[in-house]
PDB file of N, CA and C in Angstrom:
ATOM      1  N   MET A   1     -90.171  -9.799-239.061  1.00  0.00           N
ATOM      2  CA  MET A   1     -90.014  -8.627-238.254  1.00  0.00           C
ATOM      3  C   MET A   1     -88.742  -7.852-238.650  1.00  0.00           C
ATOM      4  N   LYS A   2     -87.654  -8.609-238.931  1.00  0.00           N
ATOM      5  CA  LYS A   2     -86.411  -7.972-239.355  1.00  0.00           C
ATOM      6  C   LYS A   2     -86.605  -7.234-240.670  1.00  0.00           C
ATOM      7  N   LYS A   3     -87.454  -7.792-241.539  1.00  0.00           N
ATOM      8  CA  LYS A   3     -87.713  -7.184-242.833  1.00  0.00           C
ATOM      9  C   LYS A   3     -88.397  -5.819-242.644  1.00  0.00           C
ATOM     10  N   ILE A   4     -89.333  -5.713-241.724  1.00  0.00           N
ATOM     11  CA  ILE A   4     -90.050  -4.464-241.469  1.00  0.00           C
ATOM     12  C   ILE A   4     -89.092  -3.417-240.899  1.00  0.00           C
ATOM     13  N   ILE A   5     -88.238  -3.839-239.980  1.00  0.00           N
ATOM     14  CA  ILE A   5     -87.260  -2.915-239.398  1.00  0.00           C
ATOM     15  C   ILE A   5     -86.304  -2.426-240.469  1.00  0.00           C
ATOM     16  N   THR A   6     -85.862  -3.308-241.360  1.00  0.00           N
ATOM     17  CA  THR A   6     -84.968  -2.929-242.453  1.00  0.00           C
ATOM     18  C   THR A   6     -85.648  -1.918-243.365  1.00  0.00           C
ATOM     19  N   ILE A   7     -86.916  -2.129-243.672  1.00  0.00           N
ATOM     20  CA  ILE A   7     -87.665  -1.195-244.537  1.00  0.00           C
ATOM     21  C   ILE A   7     -87.809   0.165-243.848  1.00  0.00           C
ATOM     22  N   ILE A   8     -88.112   0.156-242.563  1.00  0.00           N
ATOM     23  CA  ILE A   8     -88.264   1.408-241.818  1.00  0.00           C
ATOM     24  C   ILE A   8     -86.943   2.180-241.795  1.00  0.00           C
ATOM     25  N   ILE A   9     -85.849   1.476-241.535  1.00  0.00           N
ATOM     26  CA  ILE A   9     -84.531   2.121-241.526  1.00  0.00           C
ATOM     27  C   ILE A   9     -84.208   2.692-242.906  1.00  0.00           C
ATOM     28  N   ALA A  10     -84.514   1.921-243.955  1.00  0.00           N
ATOM     29  CA  ALA A  10     -84.266   2.388-245.321  1.00  0.00           C
ATOM     30  C   ALA A  10     -85.092   3.651-245.611  1.00  0.00           C
ATOM     31  N   LEU A  11     -86.345   3.672-245.167  1.00  0.00           N
ATOM     32  CA  LEU A  11     -87.199   4.851-245.372  1.00  0.00           C
ATOM     33  C   LEU A  11     -86.631   6.073-244.636  1.00  0.00           C
ATOM     34  N   PHE A  12     -86.181   5.885-243.418  1.00  0.00           N
ATOM     35  CA  PHE A  12     -85.582   6.977-242.664  1.00  0.00           C
ATOM     36  C   PHE A  12     -84.332   7.515-243.365  1.00  0.00           C
ATOM     37  N   ILE A  13     -83.525   6.616-243.902  1.00  0.00           N
ATOM     38  CA  ILE A  13     -82.323   7.043-244.626  1.00  0.00           C
ATOM     39  C   ILE A  13     -82.706   7.833-245.870  1.00  0.00           C
ATOM     40  N   ILE A  14     -83.695   7.353-246.596  1.00  0.00           N
ATOM     41  CA  ILE A  14     -84.147   8.050-247.805  1.00  0.00           C
ATOM     42  C   ILE A  14     -84.694   9.431-247.444  1.00  0.00           C
ATOM     43  N   ILE A  15     -85.529   9.485-246.416  1.00  0.00           N
ATOM     44  CA  ILE A  15     -86.093  10.780-245.984  1.00  0.00           C
ATOM     45  C   ILE A  15     -84.977  11.723-245.560  1.00  0.00           C
ATOM     46  N   PHE A  16     -84.005  11.212-244.809  1.00  0.00           N
ATOM     47  CA  PHE A  16     -82.870  12.024-244.377  1.00  0.00           C
ATOM     48  C   PHE A  16     -82.108  12.580-245.576  1.00  0.00           C
ATOM     49  N   LEU A  17     -81.841  11.722-246.571  1.00  0.00           N
ATOM     50  CA  LEU A  17     -81.119  12.167-247.762  1.00  0.00           C
ATOM     51  C   LEU A  17     -81.901  13.221-248.543  1.00  0.00           C
ATOM     52  N   VAL A  18     -83.202  13.025-248.643  1.00  0.00           N
ATOM     53  CA  VAL A  18     -84.046  14.012-249.341  1.00  0.00           C
ATOM     54  C   VAL A  18     -83.978  15.360-248.617  1.00  0.00           C
ATOM     55  N   ILE A  19     -84.061  15.332-247.298  1.00  0.00           N
ATOM     56  CA  ILE A  19     -83.985  16.575-246.527  1.00  0.00           C
ATOM     57  C   ILE A  19     -82.628  17.242-246.720  1.00  0.00           C
ATOM     58  N   VAL A  20     -81.562  16.465-246.685  1.00  0.00           N
ATOM     59  CA  VAL A  20     -80.219  17.019-246.889  1.00  0.00           C
ATOM     60  C   VAL A  20     -80.117  17.648-248.274  1.00  0.00           C
ATOM     61  N   ILE A  21     -80.629  16.973-249.268  1.00  0.00           N
ATOM     62  CA  ILE A  21     -80.587  17.498-250.643  1.00  0.00           C
ATOM     63  C   ILE A  21     -81.394  18.793-250.738  1.00  0.00           C
ATOM     64  N   ILE A  22     -82.570  18.790-250.143  1.00  0.00           N
ATOM     65  CA  ILE A  22     -83.423  19.988-250.194  1.00  0.00           C
ATOM     66  C   ILE A  22     -82.709  21.182-249.570  1.00  0.00           C
ATOM     67  N   PHE A  23     -82.110  20.979-248.412  1.00  0.00           N
ATOM     68  CA  PHE A  23     -81.487  22.098-247.710  1.00  0.00           C
ATOM     69  C   PHE A  23     -80.110  22.478-248.239  1.00  0.00           C
ATOM     70  N   THR A  24     -79.530  21.688-249.129  1.00  0.00           N
ATOM     71  CA  THR A  24     -78.237  22.070-249.700  1.00  0.00           C
ATOM     72  C   THR A  24     -78.366  22.581-251.123  1.00  0.00           C
ATOM     73  N   ILE A  25     -79.249  22.032-251.902  1.00  0.00           N
ATOM     74  CA  ILE A  25     -79.361  22.421-253.311  1.00  0.00           C
ATOM     75  C   ILE A  25     -80.336  23.575-253.507  1.00  0.00           C
ATOM     76  N   ILE A  26     -81.498  23.517-252.876  1.00  0.00           N
ATOM     77  CA  ILE A  26     -82.538  24.513-253.129  1.00  0.00           C
ATOM     78  C   ILE A  26     -82.102  25.931-252.750  1.00  0.00           C
ATOM     79  N   PRO A  27     -81.450  26.162-251.597  1.00  0.00           N
ATOM     80  CA  PRO A  27     -81.018  27.540-251.320  1.00  0.00           C
ATOM     81  C   PRO A  27     -80.112  28.116-252.402  1.00  0.00           C
ATOM     82  N   ASP A  28     -79.231  27.294-252.974  1.00  0.00           N
ATOM     83  CA  ASP A  28     -78.377  27.773-254.057  1.00  0.00           C
ATOM     84  C   ASP A  28     -79.211  28.159-255.272  1.00  0.00           C
ATOM     85  N   GLU A  29     -80.207  27.342-255.575  1.00  0.00           N
ATOM     86  CA  GLU A  29     -81.071  27.645-256.715  1.00  0.00           C
ATOM     87  C   GLU A  29     -81.877  28.914-256.468  1.00  0.00           C
ATOM     88  N   ILE A  30     -82.349  29.099-255.248  1.00  0.00           N
ATOM     89  CA  ILE A  30     -83.094  30.315-254.917  1.00  0.00           C
ATOM     90  C   ILE A  30     -82.185  31.528-255.051  1.00  0.00           C
ATOM     91  N   ASN A  31     -80.960  31.424-254.566  1.00  0.00           N
ATOM     92  CA  ASN A  31     -80.017  32.539-254.709  1.00  0.00           C
ATOM     93  C   ASN A  31     -79.736  32.850-256.167  1.00  0.00           C
ATOM     94  N   ASN A  32     -79.630  31.816-256.993  1.00  0.00           N
ATOM     95  CA  ASN A  32     -79.416  32.032-258.427  1.00  0.00           C
ATOM     96  C   ASN A  32     -80.598  32.779-259.039  1.00  0.00           C
ATOM     97  N   LEU A  33     -81.817  32.416-258.627  1.00  0.00           N
ATOM     98  CA  LEU A  33     -83.006  33.096-259.141  1.00  0.00           C
ATOM     99  C   LEU A  33     -83.061  34.544-258.658  1.00  0.00           C
ATOM    100  N   ILE A  34     -82.701  34.770-257.414  1.00  0.00           N
ATOM    101  CA  ILE A  34     -82.707  36.121-256.862  1.00  0.00           C
ATOM    102  C   ILE A  34     -81.729  37.008-257.624  1.00  0.00           C
ATOM    103  N   GLU A  35     -80.585  36.443-258.000  1.00  0.00           N
ATOM    104  CA  GLU A  35     -79.595  37.224-258.753  1.00  0.00           C
ATOM    105  C   GLU A  35     -80.116  37.636-260.123  1.00  0.00           C
ATOM    106  N   LEU A  36     -81.080  36.892-260.659  1.00  0.00           N
ATOM    107  CA  LEU A  36     -81.643  37.232-261.960  1.00  0.00           C
ATOM    108  C   LEU A  36     -82.650  38.375-261.889  1.00  0.00           C
ATOM    109  N   LEU A  37     -83.173  38.643-260.690  1.00  0.00           N
ATOM    110  CA  LEU A  37     -84.146  39.716-260.532  1.00  0.00           C
ATOM    111  C   LEU A  37     -83.471  41.061-260.767  1.00  0.00           C
ATOM    112  N   PRO A  38     -84.247  42.039-261.260  1.00  0.00           N
ATOM    113  CA  PRO A  38     -83.655  43.361-261.467  1.00  0.00           C
ATOM    114  C   PRO A  38     -83.195  43.951-260.134  1.00  0.00           C
ATOM    115  N   LYS A  39     -82.063  44.609-260.183  1.00  0.00           N
ATOM    116  CA  LYS A  39     -81.531  45.242-258.983  1.00  0.00           C
ATOM    117  C   LYS A  39     -82.327  46.503-258.678  1.00  0.00           C
ATOM    118  N   GLU A  40     -82.507  46.771-257.387  1.00  0.00           N
ATOM    119  CA  GLU A  40     -83.209  47.985-256.987  1.00  0.00           C
ATOM    120  C   GLU A  40     -82.351  49.188-257.353  1.00  0.00           C
ATOM    121  N   THR A  41     -83.012  50.197-257.880  1.00  0.00           N
ATOM    122  CA  THR A  41     -82.300  51.414-258.238  1.00  0.00           C
ATOM    123  C   THR A  41     -82.887  52.581-257.453  1.00  0.00           C
ATOM    124  N   GLU A  42     -82.209  53.686-257.507  1.00  0.00           N
ATOM    125  CA  GLU A  42     -82.699  54.863-256.806  1.00  0.00           C
ATOM    126  C   GLU A  42     -83.893  55.465-257.524  1.00  0.00           C
ATOM    127  N   GLY A  43     -84.118  55.112-258.762  1.00  0.00           N
ATOM    128  CA  GLY A  43     -85.249  55.653-259.495  1.00  0.00           C
ATOM    129  C   GLY A  43     -84.948  57.028-260.067  1.00  0.00           C
ATOM    130  N   TYR A  44     -85.928  57.569-260.717  1.00  0.00           N
ATOM    131  CA  TYR A  44     -85.779  58.856-261.397  1.00  0.00           C
ATOM    132  C   TYR A  44     -86.360  59.972-260.545  1.00  0.00           C
ATOM    133  N   THR A  45     -85.632  61.033-260.392  1.00  0.00           N
ATOM    134  CA  THR A  45     -86.121  62.250-259.754  1.00  0.00           C
ATOM    135  C   THR A  45     -85.816  63.399-260.699  1.00  0.00           C
ATOM    136  N   PRO A  46     -86.846  64.139-261.102  1.00  0.00           N
ATOM    137  CA  PRO A  46     -86.593  65.281-261.988  1.00  0.00           C
ATOM    138  C   PRO A  46     -85.643  66.278-261.328  1.00  0.00           C
ATOM    139  N   SER A  47     -84.829  66.934-262.115  1.00  0.00           N
ATOM    140  CA  SER A  47     -83.832  67.852-261.553  1.00  0.00           C
ATOM    141  C   SER A  47     -84.479  69.004-260.792  1.00  0.00           C
ATOM    142  N   ASP A  48     -85.677  69.418-261.201  1.00  0.00           N
ATOM    143  CA  ASP A  48     -86.362  70.498-260.481  1.00  0.00           C
ATOM    144  C   ASP A  48     -87.423  69.961-259.526  1.00  0.00           C
ATOM    145  N   GLY A  49     -87.361  68.663-259.216  1.00  0.00           N
ATOM    146  CA  GLY A  49     -88.265  68.059-258.239  1.00  0.00           C
ATOM    147  C   GLY A  49     -89.591  67.612-258.832  1.00  0.00           C
ATOM    148  N   PHE A  50     -90.329  66.842-258.054  1.00  0.00           N
ATOM    149  CA  PHE A  50     -91.639  66.371-258.497  1.00  0.00           C
ATOM    150  C   PHE A  50     -92.689  67.476-258.438  1.00  0.00           C
ATOM    151  N   ILE A  51     -92.438  68.499-257.625  1.00  0.00           N
ATOM    152  CA  ILE A  51     -93.362  69.627-257.508  1.00  0.00           C
ATOM    153  C   ILE A  51     -92.581  70.872-257.935  1.00  0.00           C
ATOM    154  N   PRO A  52     -92.395  71.040-259.240  1.00  0.00           N
ATOM    155  CA  PRO A  52     -91.459  72.057-259.721  1.00  0.00           C
ATOM    156  C   PRO A  52     -91.965  73.503-259.655  1.00  0.00           C
ATOM    157  N   ASP A  53     -93.289  73.682-259.605  1.00  0.00           N
ATOM    158  CA  ASP A  53     -93.788  75.049-259.690  1.00  0.00           C
ATOM    159  C   ASP A  53     -95.023  75.254-258.812  1.00  0.00           C
ATOM    160  N   GLU A  54     -95.423  76.507-258.734  1.00  0.00           N
ATOM    161  CA  GLU A  54     -96.560  76.916-257.897  1.00  0.00           C
ATOM    162  C   GLU A  54     -97.854  76.220-258.332  1.00  0.00           C
ATOM    163  N   LYS A  55     -98.072  76.126-259.625  1.00  0.00           N
ATOM    164  CA  LYS A  55     -99.300  75.509-260.137  1.00  0.00           C
ATOM    165  C   LYS A  55     -99.399  74.049-259.685  1.00  0.00           C
ATOM    166  N   THR A  56     -98.304  73.302-259.781  1.00  0.00           N
ATOM    167  CA  THR A  56     -98.286  71.895-259.364  1.00  0.00           C
ATOM    168  C   THR A  56     -98.489  71.792-257.856  1.00  0.00           C
ATOM    169  N   ALA A  57     -97.858  72.669-257.091  1.00  0.00           N
ATOM    170  CA  ALA A  57     -98.008  72.655-255.631  1.00  0.00           C
ATOM    171  C   ALA A  57     -99.474  72.845-255.245  1.00  0.00           C
ATOM    172  N   LYS A  58    -100.158  73.770-255.909  1.00  0.00           N
ATOM    173  CA  LYS A  58    -101.581  74.019-255.621  1.00  0.00           C
ATOM    174  C   LYS A  58    -102.442  72.807-255.972  1.00  0.00           C
ATOM    175  N   LYS A  59    -102.132  72.159-257.088  1.00  0.00           N
ATOM    176  CA  LYS A  59    -102.909  70.974-257.492  1.00  0.00           C
ATOM    177  C   LYS A  59    -102.707  69.818-256.512  1.00  0.00           C
ATOM    178  N   VAL A  60    -101.475  69.621-256.056  1.00  0.00           N
ATOM    179  CA  VAL A  60    -101.201  68.568-255.076  1.00  0.00           C
ATOM    180  C   VAL A  60    -101.927  68.884-253.772  1.00  0.00           C
ATOM    181  N   ALA A  61    -101.853  70.132-253.345  1.00  0.00           N
ATOM    182  CA  ALA A  61    -102.530  70.532-252.114  1.00  0.00           C
ATOM    183  C   ALA A  61    -104.024  70.233-252.204  1.00  0.00           C
ATOM    184  N   GLU A  62    -104.627  70.611-253.291  1.00  0.00           N
ATOM    185  CA  GLU A  62    -106.052  70.378-253.488  1.00  0.00           C
ATOM    186  C   GLU A  62    -106.370  68.879-253.491  1.00  0.00           C
ATOM    187  N   ALA A  63    -105.510  68.086-254.140  1.00  0.00           N
ATOM    188  CA  ALA A  63    -105.722  66.632-254.191  1.00  0.00           C
ATOM    189  C   ALA A  63    -105.650  66.005-252.801  1.00  0.00           C
ATOM    190  N   VAL A  64    -104.860  66.574-251.918  1.00  0.00           N
ATOM    191  CA  VAL A  64    -104.759  66.071-250.542  1.00  0.00           C
ATOM    192  C   VAL A  64    -105.918  66.594-249.694  1.00  0.00           C
ATOM    193  N   TRP A  65    -106.250  67.861-249.855  1.00  0.00           N
ATOM    194  CA  TRP A  65    -107.286  68.483-249.022  1.00  0.00           C
ATOM    195  C   TRP A  65    -108.681  67.920-249.261  1.00  0.00           C
ATOM    196  N   ILE A  66    -109.075  67.726-250.513  1.00  0.00           N
ATOM    197  CA  ILE A  66    -110.460  67.340-250.820  1.00  0.00           C
ATOM    198  C   ILE A  66    -110.891  66.057-250.104  1.00  0.00           C
ATOM    199  N   PRO A  67    -110.107  64.964-250.133  1.00  0.00           N
ATOM    200  CA  PRO A  67    -110.558  63.764-249.413  1.00  0.00           C
ATOM    201  C   PRO A  67    -110.637  63.961-247.890  1.00  0.00           C
ATOM    202  N   ILE A  68    -109.861  64.905-247.367  1.00  0.00           N
ATOM    203  CA  ILE A  68    -109.827  65.113-245.918  1.00  0.00           C
ATOM    204  C   ILE A  68    -110.871  66.133-245.476  1.00  0.00           C
ATOM    205  N   TYR A  69    -110.909  67.286-246.136  1.00  0.00           N
ATOM    206  CA  TYR A  69    -111.773  68.382-245.705  1.00  0.00           C
ATOM    207  C   TYR A  69    -113.042  68.521-246.544  1.00  0.00           C
ATOM    208  N   GLY A  70    -113.142  67.758-247.618  1.00  0.00           N
ATOM    209  CA  GLY A  70    -114.327  67.827-248.469  1.00  0.00           C
ATOM    210  C   GLY A  70    -114.181  68.866-249.570  1.00  0.00           C
ATOM    211  N   ARG A  71    -115.151  68.847-250.461  1.00  0.00           N
ATOM    212  CA  ARG A  71    -115.091  69.740-251.625  1.00  0.00           C
ATOM    213  C   ARG A  71    -115.264  71.214-251.251  1.00  0.00           C
ATOM    214  N   ASN A  72    -115.745  71.473-250.031  1.00  0.00           N
ATOM    215  CA  ASN A  72    -115.904  72.878-249.624  1.00  0.00           C
ATOM    216  C   ASN A  72    -114.570  73.610-249.542  1.00  0.00           C
ATOM    217  N   VAL A  73    -113.467  72.845-249.511  1.00  0.00           N
ATOM    218  CA  VAL A  73    -112.144  73.475-249.512  1.00  0.00           C
ATOM    219  C   VAL A  73    -111.918  74.249-250.818  1.00  0.00           C
ATOM    220  N   LEU A  74    -112.646  73.887-251.856  1.00  0.00           N
ATOM    221  CA  LEU A  74    -112.517  74.599-253.134  1.00  0.00           C
ATOM    222  C   LEU A  74    -112.958  76.055-253.005  1.00  0.00           C
ATOM    223  N   SER A  75    -113.794  76.345-252.002  1.00  0.00           N
ATOM    224  CA  SER A  75    -114.232  77.726-251.797  1.00  0.00           C
ATOM    225  C   SER A  75    -113.096  78.595-251.262  1.00  0.00           C
ATOM    226  N   GLN A  76    -111.979  77.974-250.899  1.00  0.00           N
ATOM    227  CA  GLN A  76    -110.826  78.718-250.378  1.00  0.00           C
ATOM    228  C   GLN A  76    -109.862  79.151-251.482  1.00  0.00           C
ATOM    229  N   LYS A  77    -110.270  78.951-252.738  1.00  0.00           N
ATOM    230  CA  LYS A  77    -109.446  79.469-253.828  1.00  0.00           C
ATOM    231  C   LYS A  77    -109.547  80.975-253.762  1.00  0.00           C
ATOM    232  N   THR A  78    -108.619  81.701-254.033  1.00  0.00           N
ATOM    233  CA  THR A  78    -107.363  81.467-254.684  1.00  0.00           C
ATOM    234  C   THR A  78    -106.346  81.044-253.631  1.00  0.00           C
ATOM    235  N   TYR A  79    -105.668  79.909-253.877  1.00  0.00           N
ATOM    236  CA  TYR A  79    -104.654  79.421-252.947  1.00  0.00           C
ATOM    237  C   TYR A  79    -103.391  80.254-253.088  1.00  0.00           C
ATOM    238  N   LYS A  80    -102.711  80.396-251.952  1.00  0.00           N
ATOM    239  CA  LYS A  80    -101.417  81.082-251.961  1.00  0.00           C
ATOM    240  C   LYS A  80    -100.339  80.021-251.830  1.00  0.00           C
ATOM    241  N   ALA A  81     -99.323  80.098-252.675  1.00  0.00           N
ATOM    242  CA  ALA A  81     -98.217  79.133-252.624  1.00  0.00           C
ATOM    243  C   ALA A  81     -96.894  79.886-252.677  1.00  0.00           C
ATOM    244  N   ILE A  82     -96.019  79.542-251.728  1.00  0.00           N
ATOM    245  CA  ILE A  82     -94.681  80.135-251.753  1.00  0.00           C
ATOM    246  C   ILE A  82     -93.663  79.018-251.524  1.00  0.00           C
ATOM    247  N   LEU A  83     -92.509  79.210-252.132  1.00  0.00           N
ATOM    248  CA  LEU A  83     -91.418  78.244-252.013  1.00  0.00           C
ATOM    249  C   LEU A  83     -90.417  78.766-250.984  1.00  0.00           C
ATOM    250  N   ILE A  84     -90.169  77.966-249.947  1.00  0.00           N
ATOM    251  CA  ILE A  84     -89.253  78.344-248.877  1.00  0.00           C
ATOM    252  C   ILE A  84     -87.924  77.608-249.078  1.00  0.00           C
ATOM    253  N   ASP A  85     -86.834  78.340-249.031  1.00  0.00           N
ATOM    254  CA  ASP A  85     -85.476  77.783-249.142  1.00  0.00           C
ATOM    255  C   ASP A  85     -85.298  76.892-250.366  1.00  0.00           C
ATOM    256  N   GLU A  86     -86.042  77.167-251.420  1.00  0.00           N
ATOM    257  CA  GLU A  86     -85.950  76.402-252.665  1.00  0.00           C
ATOM    258  C   GLU A  86     -86.257  74.913-252.495  1.00  0.00           C
ATOM    259  N   LYS A  87     -86.962  74.533-251.391  1.00  0.00           N
ATOM    260  CA  LYS A  87     -87.229  73.108-251.217  1.00  0.00           C
ATOM    261  C   LYS A  87     -88.582  72.758-250.616  1.00  0.00           C
ATOM    262  N   ILE A  88     -89.281  73.688-249.998  1.00  0.00           N
ATOM    263  CA  ILE A  88     -90.565  73.353-249.375  1.00  0.00           C
ATOM    264  C   ILE A  88     -91.634  74.328-249.863  1.00  0.00           C
ATOM    265  N   TRP A  89     -92.682  73.733-250.435  1.00  0.00           N
ATOM    266  CA  TRP A  89     -93.834  74.534-250.852  1.00  0.00           C
ATOM    267  C   TRP A  89     -94.785  74.680-249.677  1.00  0.00           C
ATOM    268  N   LEU A  90     -95.174  75.923-249.367  1.00  0.00           N
ATOM    269  CA  LEU A  90     -96.222  76.203-248.394  1.00  0.00           C
ATOM    270  C   LEU A  90     -97.435  76.645-249.191  1.00  0.00           C
ATOM    271  N   VAL A  91     -98.536  75.930-249.019  1.00  0.00           N
ATOM    272  CA  VAL A  91     -99.749  76.282-249.752  1.00  0.00           C
ATOM    273  C   VAL A  91    -100.853  76.476-248.725  1.00  0.00           C
ATOM    274  N   GLN A  92    -101.605  77.587-248.879  1.00  0.00           N
ATOM    275  CA  GLN A  92    -102.682  77.884-247.947  1.00  0.00           C
ATOM    276  C   GLN A  92    -103.878  78.406-248.719  1.00  0.00           C
ATOM    277  N   GLY A  93    -105.043  77.995-248.267  1.00  0.00           N
ATOM    278  CA  GLY A  93    -106.265  78.521-248.844  1.00  0.00           C
ATOM    279  C   GLY A  93    -106.458  79.958-248.400  1.00  0.00           C
ATOM    280  N   SER A  94    -107.401  80.642-249.023  1.00  0.00           N
ATOM    281  CA  SER A  94    -107.678  82.021-248.624  1.00  0.00           C
ATOM    282  C   SER A  94    -109.188  82.213-248.531  1.00  0.00           C
ATOM    283  N   LEU A  95    -109.564  83.093-247.620  1.00  0.00           N
ATOM    284  CA  LEU A  95    -110.978  83.417-247.468  1.00  0.00           C
ATOM    285  C   LEU A  95    -111.281  84.673-248.264  1.00  0.00           C
ATOM    286  N   GLY A  96    -112.504  84.791-248.689  1.00  0.00           N
ATOM    287  CA  GLY A  96    -112.904  85.996-249.412  1.00  0.00           C
ATOM    288  C   GLY A  96    -112.952  87.194-248.488  1.00  0.00           C
ATOM    289  N   PHE A  97    -113.184  88.315-249.063  1.00  0.00           N
ATOM    290  CA  PHE A  97    -113.232  89.573-248.323  1.00  0.00           C
ATOM    291  C   PHE A  97    -114.313  89.522-247.246  1.00  0.00           C
ATOM    292  N   LEU A  98    -113.939  89.848-246.027  1.00  0.00           N
ATOM    293  CA  LEU A  98    -114.823  89.887-244.862  1.00  0.00           C
ATOM    294  C   LEU A  98    -115.444  88.539-244.494  1.00  0.00           C
ATOM    295  N   LYS A  99    -114.848  87.448-244.894  1.00  0.00           N
ATOM    296  CA  LYS A  99    -115.333  86.123-244.502  1.00  0.00           C
ATOM    297  C   LYS A  99    -114.583  85.668-243.260  1.00  0.00           C
ATOM    298  N   LEU A 100    -115.278  84.992-242.371  1.00  0.00           N
ATOM    299  CA  LEU A 100    -114.677  84.479-241.153  1.00  0.00           C
ATOM    300  C   LEU A 100    -114.445  82.981-241.283  1.00  0.00           C
ATOM    301  N   GLY A 101    -113.445  82.489-240.584  1.00  0.00           N
ATOM    302  CA  GLY A 101    -113.176  81.050-240.598  1.00  0.00           C
ATOM    303  C   GLY A 101    -111.703  80.775-240.812  1.00  0.00           C
ATOM    304  N   GLY A 102    -111.385  79.499-240.938  1.00  0.00           N
ATOM    305  CA  GLY A 102    -110.004  79.092-241.127  1.00  0.00           C
ATOM    306  C   GLY A 102    -109.747  78.605-242.538  1.00  0.00           C
ATOM    307  N   THR A 103    -108.494  78.334-242.789  1.00  0.00           N
ATOM    308  CA  THR A 103    -108.104  77.879-244.124  1.00  0.00           C
ATOM    309  C   THR A 103    -107.221  76.643-244.034  1.00  0.00           C
ATOM    310  N   ALA A 104    -107.242  75.874-245.092  1.00  0.00           N
ATOM    311  CA  ALA A 104    -106.390  74.687-245.187  1.00  0.00           C
ATOM    312  C   ALA A 104    -104.948  75.126-245.420  1.00  0.00           C
ATOM    313  N   TYR A 105    -104.013  74.314-244.899  1.00  0.00           N
ATOM    314  CA  TYR A 105    -102.592  74.634-245.004  1.00  0.00           C
ATOM    315  C   TYR A 105    -101.831  73.332-245.193  1.00  0.00           C
ATOM    316  N   ILE A 106    -100.813  73.385-246.052  1.00  0.00           N
ATOM    317  CA  ILE A 106    -100.010  72.189-246.306  1.00  0.00           C
ATOM    318  C   ILE A 106     -98.571  72.591-246.625  1.00  0.00           C
ATOM    319  N   GLU A 107     -97.629  71.746-246.234  1.00  0.00           N
ATOM    320  CA  GLU A 107     -96.226  71.911-246.606  1.00  0.00           C
ATOM    321  C   GLU A 107     -95.820  70.674-247.403  1.00  0.00           C
ATOM    322  N   ILE A 108     -95.214  70.895-248.564  1.00  0.00           N
ATOM    323  CA  ILE A 108     -94.871  69.808-249.486  1.00  0.00           C
ATOM    324  C   ILE A 108     -93.400  69.916-249.879  1.00  0.00           C
ATOM    325  N   ASP A 109     -92.682  68.816-249.772  1.00  0.00           N
ATOM    326  CA  ASP A 109     -91.288  68.782-250.216  1.00  0.00           C
ATOM    327  C   ASP A 109     -91.253  68.874-251.740  1.00  0.00           C
ATOM    328  N   LYS A 110     -90.557  69.869-252.252  1.00  0.00           N
ATOM    329  CA  LYS A 110     -90.490  70.102-253.700  1.00  0.00           C
ATOM    330  C   LYS A 110     -89.883  68.920-254.442  1.00  0.00           C
ATOM    331  N   TYR A 111     -88.873  68.296-253.853  1.00  0.00           N
ATOM    332  CA  TYR A 111     -88.127  67.263-254.576  1.00  0.00           C
ATOM    333  C   TYR A 111     -88.753  65.878-254.479  1.00  0.00           C
ATOM    334  N   THR A 112     -89.359  65.551-253.342  1.00  0.00           N
ATOM    335  CA  THR A 112     -89.922  64.206-253.176  1.00  0.00           C
ATOM    336  C   THR A 112     -91.442  64.173-253.282  1.00  0.00           C
ATOM    337  N   GLY A 113     -92.094  65.315-253.063  1.00  0.00           N
ATOM    338  CA  GLY A 113     -93.549  65.352-253.046  1.00  0.00           C
ATOM    339  C   GLY A 113     -94.131  64.934-251.705  1.00  0.00           C
ATOM    340  N   GLN A 114     -93.266  64.654-250.742  1.00  0.00           N
ATOM    341  CA  GLN A 114     -93.736  64.219-249.421  1.00  0.00           C
ATOM    342  C   GLN A 114     -94.500  65.349-248.733  1.00  0.00           C
ATOM    343  N   ILE A 115     -95.623  64.975-248.096  1.00  0.00           N
ATOM    344  CA  ILE A 115     -96.403  65.930-247.324  1.00  0.00           C
ATOM    345  C   ILE A 115     -95.725  66.057-245.964  1.00  0.00           C
ATOM    346  N   LEU A 116     -95.234  67.233-245.650  1.00  0.00           N
ATOM    347  CA  LEU A 116     -94.492  67.452-244.410  1.00  0.00           C
ATOM    348  C   LEU A 116     -95.397  67.916-243.277  1.00  0.00           C
ATOM    349  N   LYS A 117     -96.429  68.675-243.630  1.00  0.00           N
ATOM    350  CA  LYS A 117     -97.355  69.165-242.615  1.00  0.00           C
ATOM    351  C   LYS A 117     -98.702  69.412-243.272  1.00  0.00           C
ATOM    352  N   LEU A 118     -99.757  69.131-242.511  1.00  0.00           N
ATOM    353  CA  LEU A 118    -101.112  69.311-243.010  1.00  0.00           C
ATOM    354  C   LEU A 118    -101.975  69.746-241.844  1.00  0.00           C
ATOM    355  N   THR A 119    -102.697  70.847-242.030  1.00  0.00           N
ATOM    356  CA  THR A 119    -103.595  71.314-240.967  1.00  0.00           C
ATOM    357  C   THR A 119    -104.680  72.175-241.579  1.00  0.00           C
ATOM    358  N   HIS A 120    -105.640  72.545-240.736  1.00  0.00           N
ATOM    359  CA  HIS A 120    -106.692  73.475-241.138  1.00  0.00           C
ATOM    360  C   HIS A 120    -106.850  74.458-239.994  1.00  0.00           C
ATOM    361  N   PHE A 121    -106.538  75.704-240.269  1.00  0.00           N
ATOM    362  CA  PHE A 121    -106.661  76.735-239.223  1.00  0.00           C
ATOM    363  C   PHE A 121    -108.125  77.024-238.952  1.00  0.00           C
ATOM    364  N   LYS A 122    -108.410  77.438-237.731  1.00  0.00           N
ATOM    365  CA  LYS A 122    -109.814  77.738-237.362  1.00  0.00           C
ATOM    366  C   LYS A 122    -110.038  79.215-237.325  1.00  0.00           C
TER     367      LYS A 122
END
């Protein structure tokens, strides 16, 4: 019986030591591996922004509108695009002469490409 108790105590000591080793050595190794990973950077942003011109603004607008409003939004060409305060593109569809209805409208950040506003007028 004493032999079994001695073995059990020895096993508990071994398990305890393994746990101590795991929790003291492995975090250091993980930190060492993390330090080897590439550092996050701010990335590249073109000096004139991701949406540098009217043509690009119209293409982005169309790429956003079609999945939402369907291909019929193409009938709203010619799109009007204007740059406000050198940073926000406003793009709007247009209706033909004497046509009734609404048009798609979008606001796009020139520098980030973020969609700031999206709607369809009625």
